[in-house]
Structure formats: structure tokens, C-alpha cells
């Protein structure tokens, strides 16, 4: 988490919280109530950083001490709602796992079986198990670049289909 924090601090401009205000919605989970919250109001750059860190905190994997924000402990919002939908407008759903989403890898030749995990329908497939492993234990730089390119291609395909791409 310390390494992630230093990376975030090195790339966010001093007014990042102002730029993100009501434009970025970050999903976090309260450890006491186990309720999911979408945060889009950032009073300071430090608040934005804490919310981003909380949204990245997977217990045990990221450590034992959840992120403190506004006097409470918080962890990754994906544990309670991995695909939050905004109350206004269209929410584009994106996931690294194949499933019923706007943008995701499409596994071919699989049984059409899905499991609902944290409000996300994920296809039961060997490829998704590999993706989960890669999410926890990142592969080589070359493989990461390949995954990035596939995600980029999936996004372009979606934008073309929706007629949102010029």
C-alpha cells in the first residue's frame, strides 16, 4: 500500500480533487457496516488519495489494516458491489473478467454459466480463473502489455458499436 500511495502521489496534480469532483465515482466498503458507498466528493487531495487507496485495499492481500478515511475504516468497494451504477445517465460497465458487461474479454466456446459475485455476473471459465490469478499475481511486462492491448481493442469495439467513436 505504501508503494501504491507513493505512485498515486507522484502522478496526481495538486488540484486532482477539484478535477475529480463529481466526475470520478469511487466504490468503497465500510468495514463496520459492510455497506458500499460511491464517493465523488473530495474535499482535499489527501481525501482523494485515501479513497483511491481504500478502493484498492483487498484485506489480507493488501495488508491487515484497512484504510482510514473520515474516522472510519474502508476497503475495496468491489467486495460488496463490483459494478456500481450511477443514479443518473448511463453507466458503462467494465471488467477484466468475461461476463455480462459492456466492456470485457469475450470467452468463446464456454458453457453459458455465470456466477454473481458482488453484483457482477461473471462467466465460469478457466480463462477467468487465470485472470483472477493474474490480478493477484501480475504476469510479465510483456503479458501485461498484451492484456492492455486486448482491453483497448475491447473498448474500441464497444465505442464503435455504440456509435460513440469518431
Protein backbone atom coordinates (compact mmCIF):
# COMPACT_ATOMS: atom_id res chain seq x y z
CA UNK A 1 0.00 0.00 0.00
CA UNK A 2 2.92 2.35 0.68
CA UNK A 3 4.24 1.75 -2.84
CA UNK A 4 0.78 2.35 -4.32
CA UNK A 5 0.42 5.55 -2.29
CA UNK A 6 3.77 6.91 -3.49
CA UNK A 7 2.80 6.09 -7.09
CA UNK A 8 -0.54 7.87 -6.73
CA UNK A 9 1.11 10.88 -5.09
CA UNK A 10 3.69 11.11 -7.87
CA UNK A 11 1.13 11.31 -10.69
CA UNK A 12 -1.80 13.25 -9.22
CA UNK A 13 -1.66 17.00 -9.73
CA UNK A 14 -2.13 19.24 -6.69
CA UNK A 15 -5.70 20.05 -7.75
CA UNK A 16 -6.68 16.45 -8.57
CA UNK A 17 -9.50 16.53 -6.03
CA UNK A 18 -11.01 19.55 -7.79
CA UNK A 19 -10.70 17.92 -11.21
CA UNK A 20 -12.28 14.71 -9.90
CA UNK A 21 -15.10 16.45 -8.02
CA UNK A 22 -18.45 14.88 -9.03
CA UNK A 23 -16.78 13.39 -12.12
CA UNK A 24 -14.98 10.43 -10.54
CA UNK A 25 -17.08 7.99 -8.52
CA UNK A 26 -15.06 5.57 -6.37
CA UNK A 27 -16.62 2.49 -4.77
CA UNK A 28 -15.52 1.66 -1.21
CA UNK A 29 -16.85 -0.60 1.55
CA UNK A 30 -17.23 0.39 5.19
CA UNK A 31 -15.67 -2.37 7.32
CA UNK A 32 -18.09 -1.86 10.22
CA UNK A 33 -21.41 -1.77 8.36
CA UNK A 34 -20.26 -3.71 5.25
CA UNK A 35 -22.16 -1.10 3.22
CA UNK A 36 -20.97 0.05 -0.18
CA UNK A 37 -20.53 3.76 -0.84
CA UNK A 38 -19.82 5.68 -4.02
CA UNK A 39 -17.63 8.66 -3.22
CA UNK A 40 -17.46 11.58 -5.64
CA UNK A 41 -16.97 14.49 -3.26
CA UNK A 42 -13.33 15.08 -2.38
CA UNK A 43 -12.57 17.96 -0.01
CA UNK A 44 -8.80 17.66 -0.49
CA UNK A 45 -6.14 15.88 -2.50
CA UNK A 46 -5.42 13.76 0.59
CA UNK A 47 -9.09 12.70 0.77
CA UNK A 48 -8.96 11.64 -2.88
CA UNK A 49 -5.78 9.65 -2.23
CA UNK A 50 -7.32 7.90 0.80
CA UNK A 51 -10.44 6.96 -1.17
CA UNK A 52 -8.33 5.61 -4.04
CA UNK A 53 -6.25 3.60 -1.58
CA UNK A 54 -9.37 2.25 0.13
CA UNK A 55 -10.78 1.20 -3.24
CA UNK A 56 -7.59 -0.79 -3.82
CA UNK A 57 -7.43 -2.42 -0.39
CA UNK A 58 -8.21 -6.14 -0.54
CA UNK A 59 -7.93 -7.49 3.02
CA UNK A 60 -5.02 -9.87 3.69
CA UNK A 61 -3.68 -9.47 0.14
CA UNK A 62 -3.01 -5.73 0.65
CA UNK A 63 -2.44 -5.96 4.39
CA UNK A 64 -4.32 -6.31 7.64
CA UNK A 65 -5.06 -2.66 8.47
CA UNK A 66 -7.83 -1.11 6.32
CA UNK A 67 -7.54 2.46 5.08
CA UNK A 68 -8.82 5.14 7.44
CA UNK A 69 -10.97 7.83 5.85
CA UNK A 70 -13.13 10.32 7.75
CA UNK A 71 -12.62 8.44 11.01
CA UNK A 72 -13.76 5.05 9.70
CA UNK A 73 -12.09 2.00 8.17
CA UNK A 74 -12.62 1.23 4.48
CA UNK A 75 -11.74 -1.49 1.96
CA UNK A 76 -12.28 -2.18 -1.74
CA UNK A 77 -15.84 -1.46 -2.88
CA UNK A 78 -15.63 -4.46 -5.20
CA UNK A 79 -16.10 -6.71 -2.18
CA UNK A 80 -19.72 -5.53 -1.85
CA UNK A 81 -20.56 -4.07 -5.27
CA UNK A 82 -18.07 -4.58 -8.08
CA UNK A 83 -20.26 -2.81 -10.67
CA UNK A 84 -21.95 0.21 -9.12
CA UNK A 85 -24.40 2.02 -11.39
CA UNK A 86 -24.73 5.79 -11.15
CA UNK A 87 -28.22 7.10 -10.38
CA UNK A 88 -28.26 9.41 -13.43
CA UNK A 89 -27.27 8.74 -17.03
CA UNK A 90 -25.77 5.59 -18.47
CA UNK A 91 -23.09 3.72 -16.60
CA UNK A 92 -20.67 1.83 -18.83
CA UNK A 93 -19.75 -1.43 -17.10
CA UNK A 94 -16.16 -2.62 -17.49
CA UNK A 95 -14.40 -5.64 -16.06
CA UNK A 96 -11.24 -7.67 -16.64
CA UNK A 97 -13.44 -10.78 -16.26
CA UNK A 98 -15.64 -12.21 -19.01
CA UNK A 99 -19.29 -11.71 -18.19
CA UNK A 100 -22.45 -9.70 -18.86
CA UNK A 101 -20.81 -6.30 -19.20
CA UNK A 102 -20.38 -3.53 -21.75
CA UNK A 103 -16.62 -3.97 -21.98
CA UNK A 104 -14.89 -7.22 -21.02
CA UNK A 105 -13.00 -10.10 -22.59
CA UNK A 106 -15.28 -12.46 -24.50
CA UNK A 107 -14.53 -16.11 -23.81
CA UNK A 108 -15.60 -18.25 -26.76
CA UNK A 109 -16.77 -21.85 -26.68
CA UNK A 110 -17.60 -21.81 -22.98
CA UNK A 111 -20.75 -23.05 -21.30
CA UNK A 112 -23.09 -20.18 -20.70
CA UNK A 113 -22.83 -20.47 -16.90
CA UNK A 114 -22.47 -17.39 -14.73
CA UNK A 115 -21.90 -16.76 -11.07
CA UNK A 116 -22.93 -13.50 -9.39
CA UNK A 117 -20.11 -12.13 -7.27
CA UNK A 118 -20.59 -8.73 -5.61
CA UNK A 119 -23.37 -7.79 -8.06
CA UNK A 120 -21.37 -8.81 -11.15
CA UNK A 121 -22.31 -11.74 -13.40
CA UNK A 122 -19.02 -13.47 -14.20
CA UNK A 123 -18.75 -16.37 -16.63
CA UNK A 124 -17.50 -19.62 -15.15
CA UNK A 125 -14.41 -20.31 -17.25
CA UNK A 126 -10.83 -21.39 -16.96
CA UNK A 127 -9.80 -18.12 -18.63
CA UNK A 128 -11.47 -16.14 -15.81
CA UNK A 129 -9.61 -18.21 -13.19
CA UNK A 130 -6.37 -17.33 -14.98
CA UNK A 131 -7.41 -13.64 -14.98
CA UNK A 132 -8.07 -13.80 -11.23
CA UNK A 133 -4.62 -15.26 -10.68
CA UNK A 134 -3.09 -12.52 -12.85
CA UNK A 135 -4.98 -9.85 -10.90
CA UNK A 136 -3.40 -11.06 -7.67
CA UNK A 137 0.00 -12.00 -9.08
CA UNK A 138 0.74 -9.80 -12.11
CA UNK A 139 2.39 -11.55 -15.07
CA UNK A 140 5.43 -10.35 -17.01
CA UNK A 141 5.57 -6.87 -18.51
CA UNK A 142 5.12 -8.36 -21.98
CA UNK A 143 1.94 -10.19 -20.93
CA UNK A 144 0.65 -7.05 -19.18
CA UNK A 145 1.16 -5.07 -22.40
CA UNK A 146 -0.78 -7.75 -24.28
CA UNK A 147 -3.65 -7.55 -21.76
CA UNK A 148 -3.65 -3.76 -22.09
CA UNK A 149 -3.93 -4.04 -25.89
CA UNK A 150 -6.83 -6.50 -25.61
CA UNK A 151 -8.64 -4.16 -23.24
CA UNK A 152 -8.03 -1.26 -25.59
CA UNK A 153 -9.40 -3.27 -28.52
CA UNK A 154 -12.47 -4.34 -26.49
CA UNK A 155 -13.10 -0.66 -25.66
CA UNK A 156 -12.79 0.49 -29.27
CA UNK A 157 -15.19 -2.29 -30.33
CA UNK A 158 -17.72 -1.12 -27.74
CA UNK A 159 -17.40 2.55 -28.71
CA UNK A 160 -17.90 1.68 -32.39
CA UNK A 161 -20.93 -0.48 -31.59
CA UNK A 162 -22.49 2.37 -29.57
CA UNK A 163 -21.56 4.91 -32.25
CA UNK A 164 -19.55 6.90 -29.70
CA UNK A 165 -16.29 6.77 -31.65
CA UNK A 166 -15.29 9.17 -34.42
